[in-house]
């Protein structure tokens, strides 16, 4: 029988840690962070790779009316199915979509598409077009396109494509020439067996490509999703190793779940050594997060086996040709009573199943916040929002859990804003406001539709979209207050993003830039 972590008492070691999380301390830390940072570009998903959807942006709209255009600065048409939140850097906006609204008449049919737009107007600048893997649709699900958000550093854009490739792109595209060392963009954007589509000034300039199916020997499932984490000379990413089309077989049980590439070249330089593969219930979707605990940089990662891992960040480049094993600092099992062996015999069981972690953990100080539980499509109707102490070592399952808040299903990332934490329940179709120190509920709000998008907290407001295309804006307070509700053109599956006084909402078909008049 599964044990419900939400009903288990905290361990003796965890209780004093919980008491130490005073409301005063949390509020002070939040105010110091707000005072010391400048709201500007959004170079990756979540603030500074902590993955926390709590932005320091100000002067953001609290009223939007799609019918009249109030609060809408500009819109840009995308494809028909878009899942990626945008990132914003150096006057450009980057967002993934599919090819059902092709910008290039030479590119027809199902493709992954990644577009670069002008920040001020939404004007198209250039795009990366990626053919589908082909064959088994479960390797690269039809019509999904490129679902991953990018990471920008300087003049480089790092991205995971629909083909489970990590690519490094020039922010200028081909407009300033083909910079190399990769120079075969035409072949890369042409489907197998088709006439070559030459690359032009409106196409992406690829600097390097690393195919995780080849270098890490993974088996992707449904769609490849991950947000590269940059730290020093290294690029950390969940591998996307998963089940095959039967949902009961791991074709690549020895493949890593967390990989590290050299950001300059794309070479595989490190991986986890946890042998997670045989215990993956569905896929390895959780992007890693970065935190500093006791002066040590930790890379925290949710495995496809439902276990939370923390590794030491690399400090030196391994010798050429070698692949190092990451050093694990601790691991935490949020659902220790769940099945751990023969996990795929529970596929489709809505009462008993392993847990999985679909979204990035959130690092705030020396605490990690995460949503975990039964798989949205194949697992049990039981999930939790958890707070975990990140300052311990070893197997910390019995000691690091600080609090647990029950959910039904969640494929969204929590947003921690000082004393308040906001989390969406996918299956119960609701937004929850929770006390960060204790996990106590302040309120919940019924949204009337499934929620796949994560909430964004910014400027004293909470922004959240639903699969029915509803955009909600709440006051970020312990008192429940809805400021605005409007209906956009299509379903919203991506987290909102904020940069330079603008909130961006990706719907299935359109990117909206929202701002005060």
Protein backbone atom coordinates (compact mmCIF):
# COMPACT_ATOMS: atom_id res chain seq x y z
CA UNK A 1 0.00 0.00 0.00
CA UNK A 2 1.24 3.50 -0.81
CA UNK A 3 1.97 5.77 2.09
CA UNK A 4 0.72 9.33 1.69
CA UNK A 5 3.58 11.72 2.50
CA UNK A 6 1.00 14.42 3.19
CA UNK A 7 -0.35 12.48 6.17
CA UNK A 8 3.01 11.39 7.62
CA UNK A 9 4.47 13.42 10.52
CA UNK A 10 7.69 15.25 9.86
CA UNK A 11 10.78 13.55 11.22
CA UNK A 12 12.36 14.77 14.44
CA UNK A 13 15.25 16.19 12.44
CA UNK A 14 12.91 18.05 10.12
CA UNK A 15 10.81 19.79 12.78
CA UNK A 16 13.43 22.30 13.93
CA UNK A 17 14.21 23.06 10.29
CA UNK A 18 10.56 23.88 9.74
CA UNK A 19 10.45 26.13 12.79
CA UNK A 20 13.53 27.92 11.49
CA UNK A 21 11.68 28.93 8.33
CA UNK A 22 10.12 31.94 9.97
CA UNK A 23 7.84 34.22 8.03
CA UNK A 24 10.05 37.19 8.93
CA UNK A 25 13.17 35.56 7.50
CA UNK A 26 11.47 34.62 4.25
CA UNK A 27 10.05 38.09 3.76
CA UNK A 28 13.41 39.73 4.47
CA UNK A 29 15.21 37.47 2.00
CA UNK A 30 12.64 38.22 -0.68
CA UNK A 31 12.94 42.01 -0.16
CA UNK A 32 16.76 41.88 -0.27
CA UNK A 33 16.65 39.95 -3.53
CA UNK A 34 14.19 42.43 -5.02
CA UNK A 35 16.30 45.41 -3.98
CA UNK A 36 19.58 43.99 -5.27
CA UNK A 37 18.43 42.82 -8.70
CA UNK A 38 17.36 44.75 -11.75
CA UNK A 39 14.38 43.55 -13.73
CA UNK A 40 15.41 43.24 -17.36
CA UNK A 41 15.82 40.48 -19.95
CA UNK A 42 14.61 36.95 -19.19
CA UNK A 43 17.49 34.79 -20.42
CA UNK A 44 16.10 31.44 -19.27
CA UNK A 45 13.02 29.88 -17.70
CA UNK A 46 12.87 30.81 -13.99
CA UNK A 47 14.97 33.41 -12.22
CA UNK A 48 18.76 32.79 -12.43
CA UNK A 49 18.38 29.02 -13.03
CA UNK A 50 16.68 28.50 -9.69
CA UNK A 51 13.62 27.74 -11.88
CA UNK A 52 11.53 29.96 -9.62
CA UNK A 53 8.68 31.60 -11.54
CA UNK A 54 8.82 34.69 -9.32
CA UNK A 55 9.96 37.72 -11.30
CA UNK A 56 11.28 41.07 -10.11
CA UNK A 57 9.54 42.91 -12.97
CA UNK A 58 7.32 45.87 -12.05
CA UNK A 59 4.70 48.07 -13.69
CA UNK A 60 2.93 45.09 -15.25
CA UNK A 61 -0.72 45.06 -16.35
CA UNK A 62 -3.44 43.98 -13.95
CA UNK A 63 -6.23 44.24 -16.53
CA UNK A 64 -6.32 42.63 -19.96
CA UNK A 65 -9.33 42.46 -22.28
CA UNK A 66 -8.77 40.35 -25.37
CA UNK A 67 -12.05 41.49 -26.89
CA UNK A 68 -11.12 45.19 -26.89
CA UNK A 69 -7.35 44.87 -27.02
CA UNK A 70 -6.86 46.54 -23.65
CA UNK A 71 -3.46 45.67 -22.21
CA UNK A 72 -2.23 44.02 -25.44
CA UNK A 73 0.95 45.60 -26.83
CA UNK A 74 1.28 43.25 -29.81
CA UNK A 75 0.56 39.72 -30.94
CA UNK A 76 2.52 37.34 -33.19
CA UNK A 77 0.95 34.36 -34.91
CA UNK A 78 2.57 31.02 -34.17
CA UNK A 79 1.60 27.55 -35.38
CA UNK A 80 -1.38 25.55 -34.14
CA UNK A 81 0.24 23.90 -31.13
CA UNK A 82 2.72 25.82 -28.95
CA UNK A 83 3.94 24.73 -25.52
CA UNK A 84 7.12 26.73 -24.87
CA UNK A 85 7.31 29.90 -22.77
CA UNK A 86 9.40 32.58 -24.50
CA UNK A 87 12.74 33.97 -23.38
CA UNK A 88 13.69 37.59 -24.01
CA UNK A 89 17.21 38.91 -24.59
CA UNK A 90 18.90 41.85 -26.33
CA UNK A 91 15.76 43.11 -28.03
CA UNK A 92 14.70 39.65 -29.25
CA UNK A 93 12.02 37.18 -28.20
CA UNK A 94 12.57 33.44 -28.76
CA UNK A 95 9.70 30.94 -28.79
CA UNK A 96 8.99 27.42 -30.06
CA UNK A 97 5.96 26.23 -32.01
CA UNK A 98 4.97 23.88 -34.85
CA UNK A 99 4.78 24.49 -38.60
CA UNK A 100 1.02 24.74 -39.16
CA UNK A 101 1.44 28.44 -39.95
CA UNK A 102 4.62 28.23 -42.06
CA UNK A 103 6.62 31.41 -42.45
CA UNK A 104 8.75 29.85 -45.18
CA UNK A 105 6.70 28.56 -48.15
CA UNK A 106 9.49 26.07 -48.90
CA UNK A 107 8.86 24.40 -45.56
CA UNK A 108 5.53 22.58 -45.69
CA UNK A 109 4.34 19.77 -43.44
CA UNK A 110 4.93 18.76 -39.83
CA UNK A 111 8.10 20.33 -38.41
CA UNK A 112 9.51 21.71 -35.21
CA UNK A 113 9.90 25.50 -35.40
CA UNK A 114 11.82 27.94 -33.22
CA UNK A 115 11.28 31.63 -34.00
CA UNK A 116 13.20 34.77 -33.18
CA UNK A 117 11.03 37.91 -33.05
CA UNK A 118 11.67 41.60 -32.49
CA UNK A 119 10.94 42.44 -28.86
CA UNK A 120 9.41 45.85 -29.53
CA UNK A 121 6.92 44.73 -32.19
CA UNK A 122 6.79 40.94 -32.55
CA UNK A 123 8.18 41.23 -36.08
CA UNK A 124 9.69 38.00 -37.47
CA UNK A 125 13.51 37.96 -37.67
CA UNK A 126 14.60 34.35 -38.31
CA UNK A 127 13.68 30.76 -37.51
CA UNK A 128 15.06 27.27 -36.99
CA UNK A 129 13.03 24.57 -38.76
CA UNK A 130 13.61 20.95 -37.68
CA UNK A 131 12.14 17.92 -39.51
CA UNK A 132 10.40 15.24 -37.46
CA UNK A 133 12.28 12.09 -36.48
CA UNK A 134 9.86 10.00 -38.52
CA UNK A 135 8.79 6.38 -38.15
CA UNK A 136 7.48 5.75 -34.63
CA UNK A 137 5.31 8.74 -33.70
CA UNK A 138 6.10 8.23 -30.00
CA UNK A 139 9.66 9.38 -30.66
CA UNK A 140 8.50 12.80 -31.86
CA UNK A 141 4.78 13.34 -31.34
CA UNK A 142 2.89 14.76 -34.35
CA UNK A 143 2.15 18.49 -34.41
CA UNK A 144 3.88 19.25 -31.10
CA UNK A 145 6.79 21.12 -32.69
CA UNK A 146 9.57 22.51 -30.51
CA UNK A 147 8.19 22.56 -26.98
CA UNK A 148 11.33 23.53 -25.05
CA UNK A 149 12.26 27.03 -23.89
CA UNK A 150 15.70 28.32 -24.86
CA UNK A 151 18.56 29.66 -22.78
CA UNK A 152 20.48 32.73 -23.99
CA UNK A 153 24.01 33.77 -23.03
CA UNK A 154 25.77 36.57 -24.90
CA UNK A 155 25.51 35.90 -28.64
CA UNK A 156 24.48 32.25 -28.23
CA UNK A 157 21.11 30.54 -27.88
CA UNK A 158 20.96 27.00 -26.46
CA UNK A 159 17.95 24.85 -27.27
CA UNK A 160 16.64 21.26 -27.15
CA UNK A 161 14.85 20.45 -30.41
CA UNK A 162 12.03 18.01 -31.13
CA UNK A 163 14.65 15.53 -32.38
CA UNK A 164 16.35 15.34 -28.94
CA UNK A 165 19.21 17.45 -30.28
CA UNK A 166 20.90 20.17 -28.28
CA UNK A 167 21.75 23.02 -30.63
CA UNK A 168 23.76 26.18 -30.15
CA UNK A 169 22.53 29.05 -32.35
CA UNK A 170 23.85 32.48 -33.28
CA UNK A 171 21.48 35.17 -31.97
CA UNK A 172 21.72 36.96 -35.34
CA UNK A 173 20.67 34.00 -37.44
CA UNK A 174 22.04 33.77 -40.97
CA UNK A 175 21.65 37.51 -41.54
CA UNK A 176 25.35 38.03 -40.78
CA UNK A 177 26.54 34.89 -42.55
CA UNK A 178 27.22 31.29 -41.59
CA UNK A 179 29.63 31.44 -38.66
CA UNK A 180 30.29 27.72 -38.21
CA UNK A 181 31.89 25.45 -37.21
CA UNK A 182 28.64 23.74 -38.22
CA UNK A 183 27.87 24.75 -41.80
CA UNK A 184 25.33 22.23 -43.07
CA UNK A 185 22.15 24.07 -42.06
CA UNK A 186 20.53 23.23 -45.39
CA UNK A 187 20.81 19.49 -44.79
CA UNK A 188 19.72 19.86 -41.19
CA UNK A 189 16.47 21.62 -42.12
CA UNK A 190 15.61 19.28 -45.01
CA UNK A 191 13.56 16.12 -44.34
CA UNK A 192 15.20 12.84 -45.31
CA UNK A 193 14.56 11.97 -48.95
CA UNK A 194 13.51 15.51 -49.94
CA UNK A 195 15.25 17.98 -52.24
CA UNK A 196 17.74 20.14 -50.37
CA UNK A 197 16.28 23.39 -48.96
CA UNK A 198 19.10 25.98 -49.08
CA UNK A 199 19.59 28.13 -45.98
CA UNK A 200 18.98 31.87 -46.33
CA UNK A 201 19.14 35.05 -44.22
CA UNK A 202 15.83 34.23 -42.48
CA UNK A 203 17.13 30.85 -41.25
CA UNK A 204 18.96 29.97 -38.04
CA UNK A 205 22.74 29.85 -37.94
CA UNK A 206 23.67 26.63 -36.11
CA UNK A 207 27.06 26.74 -34.38
CA UNK A 208 27.03 23.15 -33.12
CA UNK A 209 24.63 20.19 -32.78
CA UNK A 210 24.69 17.34 -30.26
CA UNK A 211 22.24 14.49 -30.87
CA UNK A 212 21.41 12.93 -27.49
CA UNK A 213 20.16 9.78 -29.22
CA UNK A 214 23.70 9.20 -30.47
CA UNK A 215 26.06 10.58 -27.82
CA UNK A 216 23.98 9.58 -24.75
CA UNK A 217 22.21 6.57 -26.35
CA UNK A 218 18.75 7.65 -25.15
CA UNK A 219 15.26 6.69 -26.34
CA UNK A 220 13.02 9.80 -26.41
CA UNK A 221 9.29 9.53 -25.82
CA UNK A 222 6.31 11.66 -26.98
CA UNK A 223 8.27 14.88 -27.31
CA UNK A 224 11.67 16.10 -26.17
CA UNK A 225 11.38 18.74 -23.47
CA UNK A 226 14.08 20.44 -21.43
CA UNK A 227 15.56 23.83 -20.61
CA UNK A 228 19.39 23.94 -20.65
CA UNK A 229 21.01 25.10 -17.42
CA UNK A 230 24.26 27.04 -17.83
CA UNK A 231 26.88 27.07 -15.09
CA UNK A 232 30.44 28.04 -15.84
CA UNK A 233 31.63 26.23 -18.95
CA UNK A 234 28.90 23.61 -18.71
CA UNK A 235 25.42 22.97 -19.97
CA UNK A 236 23.20 20.66 -17.84
CA UNK A 237 20.09 19.01 -19.28
CA UNK A 238 17.67 16.19 -18.57
CA UNK A 239 18.31 13.47 -21.15
CA UNK A 240 14.67 12.72 -22.13
CA UNK A 241 15.22 8.97 -21.89
CA UNK A 242 11.84 7.26 -21.58
CA UNK A 243 9.55 4.35 -22.36
CA UNK A 244 8.82 3.08 -25.87
CA UNK A 245 5.46 3.05 -27.66
CA UNK A 246 4.15 0.23 -25.46
CA UNK A 247 4.62 2.39 -22.34
CA UNK A 248 5.96 -0.74 -20.64
CA UNK A 249 9.50 -1.13 -21.95
CA UNK A 250 12.66 0.93 -21.40
CA UNK A 251 14.66 0.39 -24.58
CA UNK A 252 17.74 2.16 -23.17
CA UNK A 253 17.95 1.19 -19.48
CA UNK A 254 21.64 2.11 -19.24
CA UNK A 255 21.27 5.60 -20.71
CA UNK A 256 21.94 8.56 -18.37
CA UNK A 257 19.12 10.73 -17.08
CA UNK A 258 21.15 13.92 -16.55
CA UNK A 259 23.83 14.95 -19.05
CA UNK A 260 26.44 17.70 -19.10
CA UNK A 261 27.82 19.24 -22.30
CA UNK A 262 30.69 21.65 -22.88
CA UNK A 263 28.89 24.86 -23.83
CA UNK A 264 31.53 25.90 -26.38
CA UNK A 265 31.53 22.68 -28.39
CA UNK A 266 28.58 20.51 -27.33
CA UNK A 267 30.85 17.63 -26.29
CA UNK A 268 29.39 15.24 -23.69
CA UNK A 269 31.61 15.69 -20.63
CA UNK A 270 29.63 14.24 -17.71
CA UNK A 271 26.51 12.31 -16.73
CA UNK A 272 24.77 10.92 -13.69
CA UNK A 273 25.68 7.43 -12.47
CA UNK A 274 22.42 6.64 -10.67
CA UNK A 275 21.16 3.91 -13.06
CA UNK A 276 17.69 5.45 -13.08
CA UNK A 277 16.71 3.97 -16.45
CA UNK A 278 14.92 0.76 -15.37
CA UNK A 279 12.80 2.75 -12.88
CA UNK A 280 11.60 5.46 -15.31
CA UNK A 281 7.81 5.34 -15.33
CA UNK A 282 7.21 7.56 -18.39
CA UNK A 283 9.94 10.01 -19.37
CA UNK A 284 12.73 12.19 -18.01
CA UNK A 285 11.10 15.60 -18.29
CA UNK A 286 12.39 17.52 -15.25
CA UNK A 287 14.95 20.21 -16.13
CA UNK A 288 17.73 20.71 -13.56
CA UNK A 289 17.86 23.69 -11.20
CA UNK A 290 20.85 25.42 -9.62
CA UNK A 291 21.34 26.50 -6.02
CA UNK A 292 24.14 27.42 -3.64
CA UNK A 293 24.09 25.67 -0.26
CA UNK A 294 26.85 26.12 2.33
CA UNK A 295 29.05 27.70 -0.34
CA UNK A 296 28.69 24.75 -2.72
CA UNK A 297 26.89 24.89 -6.07
CA UNK A 298 24.32 22.10 -6.40
CA UNK A 299 22.50 20.91 -9.50
CA UNK A 300 19.13 19.54 -8.42
CA UNK A 301 17.21 17.25 -10.72
CA UNK A 302 13.94 15.30 -10.65
CA UNK A 303 14.43 11.79 -12.00
CA UNK A 304 11.93 9.88 -14.09
CA UNK A 305 11.83 7.46 -11.14
CA UNK A 306 10.18 10.13 -8.97
CA UNK A 307 13.30 10.72 -6.85
CA UNK A 308 14.92 14.13 -6.32
CA UNK A 309 18.71 14.18 -6.72
CA UNK A 310 21.35 16.82 -6.00
CA UNK A 311 24.83 16.72 -7.57
CA UNK A 312 27.98 18.78 -7.15
CA UNK A 313 28.35 21.20 -10.03
CA UNK A 314 31.46 20.59 -12.13
CA UNK A 315 34.38 22.90 -11.47
CA UNK A 316 36.85 21.66 -14.09
CA UNK A 317 36.58 20.36 -17.64
CA UNK A 318 37.23 16.60 -17.88
CA UNK A 319 40.08 15.63 -20.24
CA UNK A 320 39.23 15.45 -23.93
CA UNK A 321 37.38 12.28 -24.78
CA UNK A 322 36.50 11.41 -21.19
CA UNK A 323 33.03 11.48 -19.62
CA UNK A 324 32.96 12.06 -15.87
CA UNK A 325 30.33 10.79 -13.45
CA UNK A 326 28.60 13.51 -11.47
CA UNK A 327 29.07 13.27 -7.71
CA UNK A 328 25.78 12.87 -5.90
CA UNK A 329 25.42 14.93 -2.71
CA UNK A 330 21.99 13.70 -1.66
CA UNK A 331 18.79 12.08 -2.83
CA UNK A 332 15.24 12.41 -1.52
CA UNK A 333 12.34 10.06 -2.29
CA UNK A 334 9.07 12.02 -1.95
CA UNK A 335 6.96 8.85 -2.17
CA UNK A 336 8.92 6.03 -0.47
CA UNK A 337 5.90 3.74 -0.23
CA UNK A 338 5.31 3.69 -3.99
CA UNK A 339 6.31 0.67 -6.17
CA UNK A 340 10.03 0.62 -6.96
CA UNK A 341 10.39 -2.55 -9.05
CA UNK A 342 8.49 -3.79 -12.11
CA UNK A 343 7.16 -0.25 -12.30
CA UNK A 344 5.52 -0.64 -15.71
CA UNK A 345 3.10 -3.28 -14.45
CA UNK A 346 1.34 -0.29 -12.85
CA UNK A 347 0.98 1.62 -16.13
CA UNK A 348 -2.56 2.95 -16.37
CA UNK A 349 -3.33 2.23 -12.71
CA UNK A 350 -5.05 5.32 -11.32
CA UNK A 351 -4.97 4.10 -7.71
CA UNK A 352 -1.50 2.58 -7.23
CA UNK A 353 1.58 3.56 -9.23
CA UNK A 354 5.08 4.97 -8.90
CA UNK A 355 5.44 8.72 -8.67
CA UNK A 356 7.21 10.84 -11.24
CA UNK A 357 8.61 14.39 -11.36
CA UNK A 358 7.61 16.15 -14.57
CA UNK A 359 8.65 19.73 -13.86
CA UNK A 360 11.83 21.46 -12.65
CA UNK A 361 12.45 21.65 -8.91
CA UNK A 362 12.67 25.20 -7.56
CA UNK A 363 15.71 26.28 -5.53
CA UNK A 364 15.14 29.10 -3.01
CA UNK A 365 17.93 29.58 -0.49
CA UNK A 366 18.69 26.18 1.01
CA UNK A 367 15.23 24.82 0.24
CA UNK A 368 13.88 22.99 -2.80
CA UNK A 369 10.20 23.09 -3.75
CA UNK A 370 8.71 20.58 -6.18
CA UNK A 371 5.52 18.99 -7.41
CA UNK A 372 5.57 15.19 -7.55
CA UNK A 373 3.05 12.37 -7.85
CA UNK A 374 1.26 10.05 -10.22
CA UNK A 375 1.88 10.55 -13.93
CA UNK A 376 -0.75 12.77 -15.56
CA UNK A 377 -1.65 10.19 -18.22
CA UNK A 378 -0.56 6.83 -16.78
CA UNK A 379 -0.40 7.08 -12.98
CA UNK A 380 -2.38 7.43 -9.79
CA UNK A 381 -4.55 10.39 -8.85
CA UNK A 382 -2.30 11.50 -6.03
CA UNK A 383 0.31 14.23 -5.94
CA UNK A 384 2.00 16.69 -3.62
CA UNK A 385 3.73 20.03 -3.44
CA UNK A 386 6.76 19.52 -1.19
CA UNK A 387 9.43 21.55 0.55
CA UNK A 388 12.78 19.81 1.03
CA UNK A 389 15.89 20.87 2.97
CA UNK A 390 18.88 20.98 0.61
CA UNK A 391 21.62 21.29 3.26
CA UNK A 392 22.00 17.59 4.12
CA UNK A 393 23.96 14.72 2.58
CA UNK A 394 23.33 11.09 1.68
CA UNK A 395 19.88 9.50 1.46
CA UNK A 396 17.83 12.23 3.14
CA UNK A 397 14.39 10.71 2.56
CA UNK A 398 13.72 10.36 6.29
CA UNK A 399 15.05 13.75 7.37
CA UNK A 400 14.81 16.42 4.66
CA UNK A 401 11.07 16.64 4.10
CA UNK A 402 9.87 19.88 5.71
CA UNK A 403 6.23 19.89 4.64
CA UNK A 404 3.90 18.34 2.10
CA UNK A 405 0.72 19.79 0.59
CA UNK A 406 -1.74 17.40 -1.11
CA UNK A 407 -2.72 17.77 -4.77
CA UNK A 408 -4.53 15.48 -7.23
CA UNK A 409 -2.26 15.89 -10.26
CA UNK A 410 0.27 18.52 -11.18
CA UNK A 411 2.50 19.00 -14.21
CA UNK A 412 3.34 22.58 -13.22
CA UNK A 413 6.16 24.31 -11.35
CA UNK A 414 5.43 26.21 -8.11
CA UNK A 415 6.24 29.90 -7.77
CA UNK A 416 7.79 30.90 -4.45
CA UNK A 417 7.35 34.59 -3.64
CA UNK A 418 8.65 35.24 -0.14
CA UNK A 419 6.07 34.13 2.42
CA UNK A 420 3.65 32.90 -0.26
CA UNK A 421 3.91 29.98 -2.66
CA UNK A 422 1.53 29.47 -5.57
CA UNK A 423 0.89 26.12 -7.24
CA UNK A 424 -1.64 24.85 -9.79
CA UNK A 425 -3.44 21.52 -9.53
CA UNK A 426 -3.80 20.14 -13.06
CA UNK A 427 -6.60 17.65 -12.40
CA UNK A 428 -8.50 19.62 -9.77
CA UNK A 429 -8.34 22.65 -12.09
CA UNK A 430 -7.39 25.06 -9.33
CA UNK A 431 -4.77 27.55 -8.14
CA UNK A 432 -3.52 27.25 -4.56
CA UNK A 433 -1.95 29.89 -2.34
CA UNK A 434 0.19 28.32 0.39
CA UNK A 435 2.30 29.62 3.27
CA UNK A 436 5.92 29.05 2.27
CA UNK A 437 7.14 28.42 5.82
CA UNK A 438 4.62 25.75 6.78
CA UNK A 439 2.71 24.48 3.74
CA UNK A 440 -0.54 25.78 5.25
CA UNK A 441 -3.24 26.67 2.73
CA UNK A 442 -4.47 30.24 2.53
CA UNK A 443 -6.86 29.79 -0.38
CA UNK A 444 -7.61 27.99 -3.59
CA UNK A 445 -9.48 29.18 -6.66
CA UNK A 446 -11.41 26.98 -9.15
CA UNK A 447 -10.27 27.70 -12.73
CA UNK A 448 -12.79 25.59 -14.63
CA UNK A 449 -10.23 23.88 -16.84
CA UNK A 450 -7.11 21.73 -16.76
CA UNK A 451 -3.92 23.65 -16.00
CA UNK A 452 -0.69 22.67 -17.75
CA UNK A 453 0.96 26.08 -17.40
CA UNK A 454 2.90 27.14 -14.31
CA UNK A 455 1.94 30.34 -12.48
CA UNK A 456 4.11 33.46 -12.67
CA UNK A 457 4.34 35.86 -9.72
CA UNK A 458 5.44 39.39 -10.58
CA UNK A 459 4.66 42.95 -9.49
CA UNK A 460 2.33 41.78 -6.71
CA UNK A 461 0.27 39.71 -9.15
CA UNK A 462 -0.11 36.07 -10.18
CA UNK A 463 -0.55 35.27 -13.88
CA UNK A 464 -1.90 31.87 -14.95
CA UNK A 465 -3.46 30.41 -18.10
CA UNK A 466 -5.64 27.34 -18.65
CA UNK A 467 -6.26 24.81 -21.39
CA UNK A 468 -9.52 26.59 -22.26
CA UNK A 469 -7.57 29.72 -23.14
CA UNK A 470 -8.51 31.63 -19.99
CA UNK A 471 -5.96 34.06 -18.61
CA UNK A 472 -6.36 34.83 -14.90
CA UNK A 473 -4.62 37.60 -12.96
CA UNK A 474 -4.78 37.43 -9.15
CA UNK A 475 -3.39 39.60 -6.39
CA UNK A 476 -0.33 37.88 -4.92
CA UNK A 477 -1.67 38.05 -1.38
CA UNK A 478 -2.87 35.73 1.35
CA UNK A 479 -6.37 37.06 0.69
CA UNK A 480 -8.02 35.63 -2.41
CA UNK A 481 -8.58 38.38 -4.96
CA UNK A 482 -9.17 37.95 -8.69
CA UNK A 483 -8.09 41.05 -10.60
CA UNK A 484 -8.86 40.00 -14.16
CA UNK A 485 -10.14 37.13 -16.27
CA UNK A 486 -10.12 37.16 -20.07
CA UNK A 487 -10.31 34.60 -22.87
CA UNK A 488 -7.50 34.42 -25.41
CA UNK A 489 -7.64 32.74 -28.80
CA UNK A 490 -6.57 29.18 -27.95
CA UNK A 491 -5.39 26.87 -25.13
CA UNK A 492 -2.56 28.03 -22.87
CA UNK A 493 -0.04 25.33 -21.93
CA UNK A 494 3.12 27.41 -21.32
CA UNK A 495 4.11 29.43 -18.28
CA UNK A 496 3.85 33.21 -18.61
CA UNK A 497 7.12 35.16 -18.88
CA UNK A 498 7.95 38.74 -17.90
CA UNK A 499 10.71 41.06 -19.08
CA UNK A 500 11.23 44.80 -19.45
CA UNK A 501 7.74 45.72 -18.26
CA UNK A 502 5.93 43.22 -20.50
CA UNK A 503 4.17 39.93 -19.72
CA UNK A 504 4.27 37.30 -22.47
CA UNK A 505 1.60 34.63 -22.85
CA UNK A 506 2.04 31.75 -25.30
CA UNK A 507 -1.23 30.25 -26.46
CA UNK A 508 -1.42 27.33 -28.88
CA UNK A 509 -1.61 29.76 -31.83
CA UNK A 510 -0.37 33.19 -30.72
CA UNK A 511 2.27 34.93 -28.64
CA UNK A 512 0.74 37.84 -26.71
CA UNK A 513 2.82 40.74 -25.36
CA UNK A 514 0.86 42.39 -22.53
CA UNK A 515 1.69 45.79 -21.06
CA UNK A 516 0.12 48.77 -19.39
CA UNK A 517 -0.96 51.46 -21.88
